[in-house]
Amino acid sequence: VSHIQKLPWPGHSPDVNAEEHAWPWIRRHITQDFMPSTCEEQCRFQ
């Protein structure tokens, strides 16, 4: 309805988005020293 055209893209294709590889890398580094936090600000900072 908004006249926005989409580029066809295969579903479940994280390998064609380099950024998707970063999330597991970041998660590993954040949990490496395991400093749990319930503070949203601290999590965003990490």
ModelCIF file with pLDDT and N, C-alpha, C, O atoms, coordinates in Angstrom:
data_MODEL
#
_entry.id   MODEL 
#
_entity.id                         1 
_entity.type                       polymer 
_entity.pdbx_number_of_molecules   1 
#
_entity_poly.entity_id                      1 
_entity_poly.type                           'polypeptide(L)' 
_entity_poly.nstd_linkage                   no 
_entity_poly.nstd_monomer                   no 
_entity_poly.pdbx_seq_one_letter_code       VSHIQKLPWPGHSPDVNAEEHAWPWIRRHITQDFMPSTCEEQCRFQ 
_entity_poly.pdbx_seq_one_letter_code_can   VSHIQKLPWPGHSPDVNAEEHAWPWIRRHITQDFMPSTCEEQCRFQ 
_entity_poly.pdbx_strand_id                 A 
#
loop_
_entity_poly_seq.entity_id 
_entity_poly_seq.num 
_entity_poly_seq.mon_id 
_entity_poly_seq.hetero 
1 1  VAL n 
1 2  SER n 
1 3  HIS n 
1 4  ILE n 
1 5  GLN n 
1 6  LYS n 
1 7  LEU n 
1 8  PRO n 
1 9  TRP n 
1 10 PRO n 
1 11 GLY n 
1 12 HIS n 
1 13 SER n 
1 14 PRO n 
1 15 ASP n 
1 16 VAL n 
1 17 ASN n 
1 18 ALA n 
1 19 GLU n 
1 20 GLU n 
1 21 HIS n 
1 22 ALA n 
1 23 TRP n 
1 24 PRO n 
1 25 TRP n 
1 26 ILE n 
1 27 ARG n 
1 28 ARG n 
1 29 HIS n 
1 30 ILE n 
1 31 THR n 
1 32 GLN n 
1 33 ASP n 
1 34 PHE n 
1 35 MET n 
1 36 PRO n 
1 37 SER n 
1 38 THR n 
1 39 CYS n 
1 40 GLU n 
1 41 GLU n 
1 42 GLN n 
1 43 CYS n 
1 44 ARG n 
1 45 PHE n 
1 46 GLN n 
#
_struct_asym.id          A 
_struct_asym.entity_id   1 
#
loop_
_ma_qa_metric.id 
_ma_qa_metric.mode 
_ma_qa_metric.name 
_ma_qa_metric.software_group_id 
_ma_qa_metric.type 
1 global pLDDT . pLDDT 
2 local  pLDDT . pLDDT 
#
_ma_qa_metric_global.metric_id      1 
_ma_qa_metric_global.metric_value   76.91 
_ma_qa_metric_global.model_id       1 
_ma_qa_metric_global.ordinal_id     1 
#
loop_
_ma_qa_metric_local.label_asym_id 
_ma_qa_metric_local.label_comp_id 
_ma_qa_metric_local.label_seq_id 
_ma_qa_metric_local.metric_id 
_ma_qa_metric_local.metric_value 
_ma_qa_metric_local.model_id 
_ma_qa_metric_local.ordinal_id 
A VAL 1  2 96.00 1 1  
A SER 2  2 96.00 1 2  
A HIS 3  2 95.00 1 3  
A ILE 4  2 95.00 1 4  
A GLN 5  2 92.00 1 5  
A LYS 6  2 88.00 1 6  
A LEU 7  2 80.00 1 7  
A PRO 8  2 73.00 1 8  
A TRP 9  2 71.00 1 9  
A PRO 10 2 66.00 1 10 
A GLY 11 2 63.00 1 11 
A HIS 12 2 61.00 1 12 
A SER 13 2 68.00 1 13 
A PRO 14 2 68.00 1 14 
A ASP 15 2 72.00 1 15 
A VAL 16 2 78.00 1 16 
A ASN 17 2 77.00 1 17 
A ALA 18 2 76.00 1 18 
A GLU 19 2 78.00 1 19 
A GLU 20 2 81.00 1 20 
A HIS 21 2 83.00 1 21 
A ALA 22 2 85.00 1 22 
A TRP 23 2 83.00 1 23 
A PRO 24 2 86.00 1 24 
A TRP 25 2 86.00 1 25 
A ILE 26 2 84.00 1 26 
A ARG 27 2 84.00 1 27 
A ARG 28 2 85.00 1 28 
A HIS 29 2 81.00 1 29 
A ILE 30 2 80.00 1 30 
A THR 31 2 78.00 1 31 
A GLN 32 2 72.00 1 32 
A ASP 33 2 65.00 1 33 
A PHE 34 2 61.00 1 34 
A MET 35 2 63.00 1 35 
A PRO 36 2 62.00 1 36 
A SER 37 2 60.00 1 37 
A THR 38 2 65.00 1 38 
A CYS 39 2 70.00 1 39 
A GLU 40 2 72.00 1 40 
A GLU 41 2 73.00 1 41 
A GLN 42 2 73.00 1 42 
A CYS 43 2 75.00 1 43 
A ARG 44 2 77.00 1 44 
A PHE 45 2 80.00 1 45 
A GLN 46 2 81.00 1 46 
#
loop_
_atom_site.group_PDB 
_atom_site.id 
_atom_site.type_symbol 
_atom_site.label_atom_id 
_atom_site.label_alt_id 
_atom_site.label_comp_id 
_atom_site.label_asym_id 
_atom_site.label_entity_id 
_atom_site.label_seq_id 
_atom_site.pdbx_PDB_ins_code 
_atom_site.Cartn_x 
_atom_site.Cartn_y 
_atom_site.Cartn_z 
_atom_site.occupancy 
_atom_site.B_iso_or_equiv 
_atom_site.pdbx_formal_charge 
_atom_site.auth_seq_id 
_atom_site.auth_comp_id 
_atom_site.auth_asym_id 
_atom_site.auth_atom_id 
_atom_site.pdbx_PDB_model_num 
ATOM 1   N N  . VAL A 1 1  ? 0.836  -1.198  0.000  1.00 96.00 ? 1  VAL A N  1 
ATOM 2   C CA . VAL A 1 1  ? 0.000  0.000   0.000  1.00 96.00 ? 1  VAL A CA 1 
ATOM 3   C C  . VAL A 1 1  ? 0.878  1.259   0.000  1.00 96.00 ? 1  VAL A C  1 
ATOM 4   O O  . VAL A 1 1  ? 0.499  2.288   -0.559 1.00 96.00 ? 1  VAL A O  1 
ATOM 5   N N  . SER A 1 2  ? 2.045  1.165   0.629  1.00 96.00 ? 2  SER A N  1 
ATOM 6   C CA . SER A 1 2  ? 2.968  2.307   0.698  1.00 96.00 ? 2  SER A CA 1 
ATOM 7   C C  . SER A 1 2  ? 3.854  2.409   -0.539 1.00 96.00 ? 2  SER A C  1 
ATOM 8   O O  . SER A 1 2  ? 4.694  3.303   -0.631 1.00 96.00 ? 2  SER A O  1 
ATOM 9   N N  . HIS A 1 3  ? 3.668  1.496   -1.491 1.00 95.00 ? 3  HIS A N  1 
ATOM 10  C CA . HIS A 1 3  ? 4.434  1.473   -2.741 1.00 95.00 ? 3  HIS A CA 1 
ATOM 11  C C  . HIS A 1 3  ? 5.933  1.298   -2.503 1.00 95.00 ? 3  HIS A C  1 
ATOM 12  O O  . HIS A 1 3  ? 6.756  1.916   -3.179 1.00 95.00 ? 3  HIS A O  1 
ATOM 13  N N  . ILE A 1 4  ? 6.272  0.455   -1.543 1.00 95.00 ? 4  ILE A N  1 
ATOM 14  C CA . ILE A 1 4  ? 7.665  0.149   -1.246 1.00 95.00 ? 4  ILE A CA 1 
ATOM 15  C C  . ILE A 1 4  ? 8.003  -1.165  -1.929 1.00 95.00 ? 4  ILE A C  1 
ATOM 16  O O  . ILE A 1 4  ? 7.343  -2.179  -1.700 1.00 95.00 ? 4  ILE A O  1 
ATOM 17  N N  . GLN A 1 5  ? 9.031  -1.149  -2.769 1.00 92.00 ? 5  GLN A N  1 
ATOM 18  C CA . GLN A 1 5  ? 9.444  -2.367  -3.471 1.00 92.00 ? 5  GLN A CA 1 
ATOM 19  C C  . GLN A 1 5  ? 10.487 -3.106  -2.652 1.00 92.00 ? 5  GLN A C  1 
ATOM 20  O O  . GLN A 1 5  ? 11.394 -2.506  -2.075 1.00 92.00 ? 5  GLN A O  1 
ATOM 21  N N  . LYS A 1 6  ? 10.335 -4.437  -2.616 1.00 88.00 ? 6  LYS A N  1 
ATOM 22  C CA . LYS A 1 6  ? 11.285 -5.268  -1.892 1.00 88.00 ? 6  LYS A CA 1 
ATOM 23  C C  . LYS A 1 6  ? 12.167 -6.031  -2.872 1.00 88.00 ? 6  LYS A C  1 
ATOM 24  O O  . LYS A 1 6  ? 11.717 -6.472  -3.930 1.00 88.00 ? 6  LYS A O  1 
ATOM 25  N N  . LEU A 1 7  ? 13.415 -6.173  -2.500 1.00 80.00 ? 7  LEU A N  1 
ATOM 26  C CA . LEU A 1 7  ? 14.348 -6.992  -3.265 1.00 80.00 ? 7  LEU A CA 1 
ATOM 27  C C  . LEU A 1 7  ? 14.132 -8.443  -2.854 1.00 80.00 ? 7  LEU A C  1 
ATOM 28  O O  . LEU A 1 7  ? 14.166 -8.745  -1.661 1.00 80.00 ? 7  LEU A O  1 
ATOM 29  N N  . PRO A 1 8  ? 13.910 -9.357  -3.809 1.00 73.00 ? 8  PRO A N  1 
ATOM 30  C CA . PRO A 1 8  ? 13.751 -10.763 -3.435 1.00 73.00 ? 8  PRO A CA 1 
ATOM 31  C C  . PRO A 1 8  ? 15.019 -11.269 -2.734 1.00 73.00 ? 8  PRO A C  1 
ATOM 32  O O  . PRO A 1 8  ? 16.134 -11.002 -3.183 1.00 73.00 ? 8  PRO A O  1 
ATOM 33  N N  . TRP A 1 9  ? 14.838 -11.980 -1.664 1.00 71.00 ? 9  TRP A N  1 
ATOM 34  C CA . TRP A 1 9  ? 15.977 -12.446 -0.879 1.00 71.00 ? 9  TRP A CA 1 
ATOM 35  C C  . TRP A 1 9  ? 15.637 -13.792 -0.282 1.00 71.00 ? 9  TRP A C  1 
ATOM 36  O O  . TRP A 1 9  ? 14.543 -13.974 0.252  1.00 71.00 ? 9  TRP A O  1 
ATOM 37  N N  . PRO A 1 10 ? 16.566 -14.747 -0.366 1.00 66.00 ? 10 PRO A N  1 
ATOM 38  C CA . PRO A 1 10 ? 16.266 -16.072 0.189  1.00 66.00 ? 10 PRO A CA 1 
ATOM 39  C C  . PRO A 1 10 ? 16.112 -16.021 1.705  1.00 66.00 ? 10 PRO A C  1 
ATOM 40  O O  . PRO A 1 10 ? 16.865 -15.339 2.399  1.00 66.00 ? 10 PRO A O  1 
ATOM 41  N N  . GLY A 1 11 ? 15.125 -16.753 2.200  1.00 63.00 ? 11 GLY A N  1 
ATOM 42  C CA . GLY A 1 11 ? 14.933 -16.828 3.637  1.00 63.00 ? 11 GLY A CA 1 
ATOM 43  C C  . GLY A 1 11 ? 16.071 -17.586 4.294  1.00 63.00 ? 11 GLY A C  1 
ATOM 44  O O  . GLY A 1 11 ? 16.751 -18.391 3.658  1.00 63.00 ? 11 GLY A O  1 
ATOM 45  N N  . HIS A 1 12 ? 16.263 -17.322 5.561  1.00 61.00 ? 12 HIS A N  1 
ATOM 46  C CA . HIS A 1 12 ? 17.286 -18.026 6.343  1.00 61.00 ? 12 HIS A CA 1 
ATOM 47  C C  . HIS A 1 12 ? 18.650 -17.931 5.661  1.00 61.00 ? 12 HIS A C  1 
ATOM 48  O O  . HIS A 1 12 ? 19.299 -18.947 5.411  1.00 61.00 ? 12 HIS A O  1 
ATOM 49  N N  . SER A 1 13 ? 19.079 -16.703 5.362  1.00 68.00 ? 13 SER A N  1 
ATOM 50  C CA . SER A 1 13 ? 20.336 -16.515 4.647  1.00 68.00 ? 13 SER A CA 1 
ATOM 51  C C  . SER A 1 13 ? 21.288 -15.592 5.412  1.00 68.00 ? 13 SER A C  1 
ATOM 52  O O  . SER A 1 13 ? 21.730 -14.580 4.869  1.00 68.00 ? 13 SER A O  1 
ATOM 53  N N  . PRO A 1 14 ? 21.607 -15.928 6.660  1.00 68.00 ? 14 PRO A N  1 
ATOM 54  C CA . PRO A 1 14 ? 22.494 -15.045 7.411  1.00 68.00 ? 14 PRO A CA 1 
ATOM 55  C C  . PRO A 1 14 ? 23.904 -14.974 6.840  1.00 68.00 ? 14 PRO A C  1 
ATOM 56  O O  . PRO A 1 14 ? 24.630 -14.017 7.109  1.00 68.00 ? 14 PRO A O  1 
ATOM 57  N N  . ASP A 1 15 ? 24.301 -15.977 6.052  1.00 72.00 ? 15 ASP A N  1 
ATOM 58  C CA . ASP A 1 15 ? 25.656 -15.970 5.502  1.00 72.00 ? 15 ASP A CA 1 
ATOM 59  C C  . ASP A 1 15 ? 25.872 -14.872 4.474  1.00 72.00 ? 15 ASP A C  1 
ATOM 60  O O  . ASP A 1 15 ? 27.017 -14.561 4.146  1.00 72.00 ? 15 ASP A O  1 
ATOM 61  N N  . VAL A 1 16 ? 24.803 -14.277 3.955  1.00 78.00 ? 16 VAL A N  1 
ATOM 62  C CA . VAL A 1 16 ? 24.974 -13.192 2.993  1.00 78.00 ? 16 VAL A CA 1 
ATOM 63  C C  . VAL A 1 16 ? 24.858 -11.826 3.671  1.00 78.00 ? 16 VAL A C  1 
ATOM 64  O O  . VAL A 1 16 ? 24.730 -10.801 3.002  1.00 78.00 ? 16 VAL A O  1 
ATOM 65  N N  . ASN A 1 17 ? 24.904 -11.822 4.984  1.00 77.00 ? 17 ASN A N  1 
ATOM 66  C CA . ASN A 1 17 ? 24.901 -10.579 5.756  1.00 77.00 ? 17 ASN A CA 1 
ATOM 67  C C  . ASN A 1 17 ? 26.036 -10.674 6.762  1.00 77.00 ? 17 ASN A C  1 
ATOM 68  O O  . ASN A 1 17 ? 25.926 -11.365 7.775  1.00 77.00 ? 17 ASN A O  1 
ATOM 69  N N  . ALA A 1 18 ? 27.124 -9.977  6.475  1.00 76.00 ? 18 ALA A N  1 
ATOM 70  C CA . ALA A 1 18 ? 28.317 -10.076 7.325  1.00 76.00 ? 18 ALA A CA 1 
ATOM 71  C C  . ALA A 1 18 ? 28.037 -9.689  8.766  1.00 76.00 ? 18 ALA A C  1 
ATOM 72  O O  . ALA A 1 18 ? 28.688 -10.194 9.681  1.00 76.00 ? 18 ALA A O  1 
ATOM 73  N N  . GLU A 1 19 ? 27.084 -8.805  8.977  1.00 78.00 ? 19 GLU A N  1 
ATOM 74  C CA . GLU A 1 19 ? 26.761 -8.376  10.335 1.00 78.00 ? 19 GLU A CA 1 
ATOM 75  C C  . GLU A 1 19 ? 26.255 -9.537  11.189 1.00 78.00 ? 19 GLU A C  1 
ATOM 76  O O  . GLU A 1 19 ? 26.477 -9.554  12.400 1.00 78.00 ? 19 GLU A O  1 
ATOM 77  N N  . GLU A 1 20 ? 25.579 -10.504 10.574 1.00 81.00 ? 20 GLU A N  1 
ATOM 78  C CA . GLU A 1 20 ? 25.041 -11.632 11.329 1.00 81.00 ? 20 GLU A CA 1 
ATOM 79  C C  . GLU A 1 20 ? 26.136 -12.462 12.001 1.00 81.00 ? 20 GLU A C  1 
ATOM 80  O O  . GLU A 1 20 ? 25.891 -13.094 13.028 1.00 81.00 ? 20 GLU A O  1 
ATOM 81  N N  . HIS A 1 21 ? 27.327 -12.462 11.433 1.00 83.00 ? 21 HIS A N  1 
ATOM 82  C CA . HIS A 1 21 ? 28.434 -13.201 12.038 1.00 83.00 ? 21 HIS A CA 1 
ATOM 83  C C  . HIS A 1 21 ? 28.947 -12.499 13.293 1.00 83.00 ? 21 HIS A C  1 
ATOM 84  O O  . HIS A 1 21 ? 29.578 -13.124 14.146 1.00 83.00 ? 21 HIS A O  1 
ATOM 85  N N  . ALA A 1 22 ? 28.676 -11.206 13.403 1.00 85.00 ? 22 ALA A N  1 
ATOM 86  C CA . ALA A 1 22 ? 29.186 -10.432 14.537 1.00 85.00 ? 22 ALA A CA 1 
ATOM 87  C C  . ALA A 1 22 ? 28.469 -10.789 15.839 1.00 85.00 ? 22 ALA A C  1 
ATOM 88  O O  . ALA A 1 22 ? 29.088 -10.777 16.903 1.00 85.00 ? 22 ALA A O  1 
ATOM 89  N N  . TRP A 1 23 ? 27.171 -11.106 15.770 1.00 83.00 ? 23 TRP A N  1 
ATOM 90  C CA . TRP A 1 23 ? 26.415 -11.333 17.006 1.00 83.00 ? 23 TRP A CA 1 
ATOM 91  C C  . TRP A 1 23 ? 26.952 -12.502 17.826 1.00 83.00 ? 23 TRP A C  1 
ATOM 92  O O  . TRP A 1 23 ? 27.111 -12.344 19.036 1.00 83.00 ? 23 TRP A O  1 
ATOM 93  N N  . PRO A 1 24 ? 27.240 -13.663 17.244 1.00 86.00 ? 24 PRO A N  1 
ATOM 94  C CA . PRO A 1 24 ? 27.828 -14.727 18.067 1.00 86.00 ? 24 PRO A CA 1 
ATOM 95  C C  . PRO A 1 24 ? 29.197 -14.336 18.631 1.00 86.00 ? 24 PRO A C  1 
ATOM 96  O O  . PRO A 1 24 ? 29.537 -14.693 19.759 1.00 86.00 ? 24 PRO A O  1 
ATOM 97  N N  . TRP A 1 25 ? 29.976 -13.600 17.838 1.00 86.00 ? 25 TRP A N  1 
ATOM 98  C CA . TRP A 1 25 ? 31.294 -13.161 18.310 1.00 86.00 ? 25 TRP A CA 1 
ATOM 99  C C  . TRP A 1 25 ? 31.128 -12.257 19.532 1.00 86.00 ? 25 TRP A C  1 
ATOM 100 O O  . TRP A 1 25 ? 31.815 -12.431 20.539 1.00 86.00 ? 25 TRP A O  1 
ATOM 101 N N  . ILE A 1 26 ? 30.217 -11.294 19.435 1.00 84.00 ? 26 ILE A N  1 
ATOM 102 C CA . ILE A 1 26 ? 29.971 -10.371 20.546 1.00 84.00 ? 26 ILE A CA 1 
ATOM 103 C C  . ILE A 1 26 ? 29.443 -11.134 21.762 1.00 84.00 ? 26 ILE A C  1 
ATOM 104 O O  . ILE A 1 26 ? 29.899 -10.918 22.885 1.00 84.00 ? 26 ILE A O  1 
ATOM 105 N N  . ARG A 1 27 ? 28.479 -12.028 21.529 1.00 84.00 ? 27 ARG A N  1 
ATOM 106 C CA . ARG A 1 27 ? 27.897 -12.796 22.635 1.00 84.00 ? 27 ARG A CA 1 
ATOM 107 C C  . ARG A 1 27 ? 28.971 -13.595 23.369 1.00 84.00 ? 27 ARG A C  1 
ATOM 108 O O  . ARG A 1 27 ? 28.981 -13.644 24.599 1.00 84.00 ? 27 ARG A O  1 
ATOM 109 N N  . ARG A 1 28 ? 29.877 -14.222 22.610 1.00 85.00 ? 28 ARG A N  1 
ATOM 110 C CA . ARG A 1 28 ? 30.966 -14.983 23.252 1.00 85.00 ? 28 ARG A CA 1 
ATOM 111 C C  . ARG A 1 28 ? 31.833 -14.085 24.126 1.00 85.00 ? 28 ARG A C  1 
ATOM 112 O O  . ARG A 1 28 ? 32.218 -14.468 25.231 1.00 85.00 ? 28 ARG A O  1 
ATOM 113 N N  . HIS A 1 29 ? 32.138 -12.888 23.627 1.00 81.00 ? 29 HIS A N  1 
ATOM 114 C CA . HIS A 1 29 ? 33.008 -11.986 24.383 1.00 81.00 ? 29 HIS A CA 1 
ATOM 115 C C  . HIS A 1 29 ? 32.317 -11.393 25.612 1.00 81.00 ? 29 HIS A C  1 
ATOM 116 O O  . HIS A 1 29 ? 32.963 -11.144 26.629 1.00 81.00 ? 29 HIS A O  1 
ATOM 117 N N  . ILE A 1 30 ? 31.028 -11.173 25.521 1.00 80.00 ? 30 ILE A N  1 
ATOM 118 C CA . ILE A 1 30 ? 30.303 -10.639 26.673 1.00 80.00 ? 30 ILE A CA 1 
ATOM 119 C C  . ILE A 1 30 ? 30.181 -11.700 27.760 1.00 80.00 ? 30 ILE A C  1 
ATOM 120 O O  . ILE A 1 30 ? 30.332 -11.397 28.943 1.00 80.00 ? 30 ILE A O  1 
ATOM 121 N N  . THR A 1 31 ? 29.910 -12.927 27.369 1.00 78.00 ? 31 THR A N  1 
ATOM 122 C CA . THR A 1 31 ? 29.702 -13.988 28.364 1.00 78.00 ? 31 THR A CA 1 
ATOM 123 C C  . THR A 1 31 ? 31.004 -14.649 28.795 1.00 78.00 ? 31 THR A C  1 
ATOM 124 O O  . THR A 1 31 ? 30.996 -15.495 29.689 1.00 78.00 ? 31 THR A O  1 
ATOM 125 N N  . GLN A 1 32 ? 32.117 -14.280 28.179 1.00 72.00 ? 32 GLN A N  1 
ATOM 126 C CA . GLN A 1 32 ? 33.412 -14.874 28.511 1.00 72.00 ? 32 GLN A CA 1 
ATOM 127 C C  . GLN A 1 32 ? 33.738 -14.710 29.994 1.00 72.00 ? 32 GLN A C  1 
ATOM 128 O O  . GLN A 1 32 ? 34.130 -15.673 30.652 1.00 72.00 ? 32 GLN A O  1 
ATOM 129 N N  . ASP A 1 33 ? 33.580 -13.518 30.515 1.00 65.00 ? 33 ASP A N  1 
ATOM 130 C CA . ASP A 1 33 ? 33.863 -13.270 31.928 1.00 65.00 ? 33 ASP A CA 1 
ATOM 131 C C  . ASP A 1 33 ? 32.604 -13.372 32.784 1.00 65.00 ? 33 ASP A C  1 
ATOM 132 O O  . ASP A 1 33 ? 32.681 -13.257 34.007 1.00 65.00 ? 33 ASP A O  1 
ATOM 133 N N  . PHE A 1 34 ? 31.474 -13.581 32.171 1.00 61.00 ? 34 PHE A N  1 
ATOM 134 C CA . PHE A 1 34 ? 30.160 -13.741 32.790 1.00 61.00 ? 34 PHE A CA 1 
ATOM 135 C C  . PHE A 1 34 ? 29.935 -12.812 33.963 1.00 61.00 ? 34 PHE A C  1 
ATOM 136 O O  . PHE A 1 34 ? 30.033 -13.193 35.129 1.00 61.00 ? 34 PHE A O  1 
ATOM 137 N N  . MET A 1 35 ? 29.630 -11.587 33.609 1.00 63.00 ? 35 MET A N  1 
ATOM 138 C CA . MET A 1 35 ? 29.252 -10.607 34.622 1.00 63.00 ? 35 MET A CA 1 
ATOM 139 C C  . MET A 1 35 ? 27.768 -10.311 34.398 1.00 63.00 ? 35 MET A C  1 
ATOM 140 O O  . MET A 1 35 ? 27.432 -9.378  33.669 1.00 63.00 ? 35 MET A O  1 
ATOM 141 N N  . PRO A 1 36 ? 26.864 -11.102 35.023 1.00 62.00 ? 36 PRO A N  1 
ATOM 142 C CA . PRO A 1 36 ? 25.431 -10.911 34.772 1.00 62.00 ? 36 PRO A CA 1 
ATOM 143 C C  . PRO A 1 36 ? 24.970 -9.532  35.227 1.00 62.00 ? 36 PRO A C  1 
ATOM 144 O O  . PRO A 1 36 ? 25.445 -8.980  36.219 1.00 62.00 ? 36 PRO A O  1 
ATOM 145 N N  . SER A 1 37 ? 24.033 -9.006  34.466 1.00 60.00 ? 37 SER A N  1 
ATOM 146 C CA . SER A 1 37 ? 23.494 -7.693  34.794 1.00 60.00 ? 37 SER A CA 1 
ATOM 147 C C  . SER A 1 37 ? 22.032 -7.657  34.392 1.00 60.00 ? 37 SER A C  1 
ATOM 148 O O  . SER A 1 37 ? 21.653 -8.148  33.328 1.00 60.00 ? 37 SER A O  1 
ATOM 149 N N  . THR A 1 38 ? 21.225 -7.074  35.248 1.00 65.00 ? 38 THR A N  1 
ATOM 150 C CA . THR A 1 38 ? 19.817 -6.883  34.899 1.00 65.00 ? 38 THR A CA 1 
ATOM 151 C C  . THR A 1 38 ? 19.571 -5.441  34.462 1.00 65.00 ? 38 THR A C  1 
ATOM 152 O O  . THR A 1 38 ? 18.446 -5.072  34.123 1.00 65.00 ? 38 THR A O  1 
ATOM 153 N N  . CYS A 1 39 ? 20.605 -4.646  34.470 1.00 70.00 ? 39 CYS A N  1 
ATOM 154 C CA . CYS A 1 39 ? 20.493 -3.239  34.111 1.00 70.00 ? 39 CYS A CA 1 
ATOM 155 C C  . CYS A 1 39 ? 20.591 -3.090  32.586 1.00 70.00 ? 39 CYS A C  1 
ATOM 156 O O  . CYS A 1 39 ? 21.604 -3.440  31.980 1.00 70.00 ? 39 CYS A O  1 
ATOM 157 N N  . GLU A 1 40 ? 19.537 -2.574  31.993 1.00 72.00 ? 40 GLU A N  1 
ATOM 158 C CA . GLU A 1 40 ? 19.518 -2.427  30.527 1.00 72.00 ? 40 GLU A CA 1 
ATOM 159 C C  . GLU A 1 40 ? 20.655 -1.528  30.049 1.00 72.00 ? 40 GLU A C  1 
ATOM 160 O O  . GLU A 1 40 ? 21.271 -1.802  29.019 1.00 72.00 ? 40 GLU A O  1 
ATOM 161 N N  . GLU A 1 41 ? 20.932 -0.471  30.783 1.00 73.00 ? 41 GLU A N  1 
ATOM 162 C CA . GLU A 1 41 ? 21.996 0.452   30.386 1.00 73.00 ? 41 GLU A CA 1 
ATOM 163 C C  . GLU A 1 41 ? 23.349 -0.256  30.359 1.00 73.00 ? 41 GLU A C  1 
ATOM 164 O O  . GLU A 1 41 ? 24.135 -0.053  29.434 1.00 73.00 ? 41 GLU A O  1 
ATOM 165 N N  . GLN A 1 42 ? 23.625 -1.077  31.359 1.00 73.00 ? 42 GLN A N  1 
ATOM 166 C CA . GLN A 1 42 ? 24.885 -1.819  31.410 1.00 73.00 ? 42 GLN A CA 1 
ATOM 167 C C  . GLN A 1 42 ? 24.978 -2.808  30.251 1.00 73.00 ? 42 GLN A C  1 
ATOM 168 O O  . GLN A 1 42 ? 26.038 -2.951  29.642 1.00 73.00 ? 42 GLN A O  1 
ATOM 169 N N  . CYS A 1 43 ? 23.874 -3.490  29.945 1.00 75.00 ? 43 CYS A N  1 
ATOM 170 C CA . CYS A 1 43 ? 23.867 -4.445  28.834 1.00 75.00 ? 43 CYS A CA 1 
ATOM 171 C C  . CYS A 1 43 ? 24.124 -3.730  27.513 1.00 75.00 ? 43 CYS A C  1 
ATOM 172 O O  . CYS A 1 43 ? 24.901 -4.213  26.689 1.00 75.00 ? 43 CYS A O  1 
ATOM 173 N N  . ARG A 1 44 ? 23.483 -2.594  27.304 1.00 77.00 ? 44 ARG A N  1 
ATOM 174 C CA . ARG A 1 44 ? 23.707 -1.825  26.077 1.00 77.00 ? 44 ARG A CA 1 
ATOM 175 C C  . ARG A 1 44 ? 25.169 -1.397  25.970 1.00 77.00 ? 44 ARG A C  1 
ATOM 176 O O  . ARG A 1 44 ? 25.771 -1.449  24.897 1.00 77.00 ? 44 ARG A O  1 
ATOM 177 N N  . PHE A 1 45 ? 25.726 -0.973  27.102 1.00 80.00 ? 45 PHE A N  1 
ATOM 178 C CA . PHE A 1 45 ? 27.129 -0.575  27.113 1.00 80.00 ? 45 PHE A CA 1 
ATOM 179 C C  . PHE A 1 45 ? 28.024 -1.743  26.726 1.00 80.00 ? 45 PHE A C  1 
ATOM 180 O O  . PHE A 1 45 ? 28.937 -1.579  25.917 1.00 80.00 ? 45 PHE A O  1 
ATOM 181 N N  . GLN A 1 46 ? 27.774 -2.926  27.297 1.00 81.00 ? 46 GLN A N  1 
ATOM 182 C CA . GLN A 1 46 ? 28.602 -4.089  26.993 1.00 81.00 ? 46 GLN A CA 1 
ATOM 183 C C  . GLN A 1 46 ? 28.522 -4.441  25.509 1.00 81.00 ? 46 GLN A C  1 
ATOM 184 O O  . GLN A 1 46 ? 29.157 -5.398  25.067 1.00 81.00 ? 46 GLN A O  1 
#
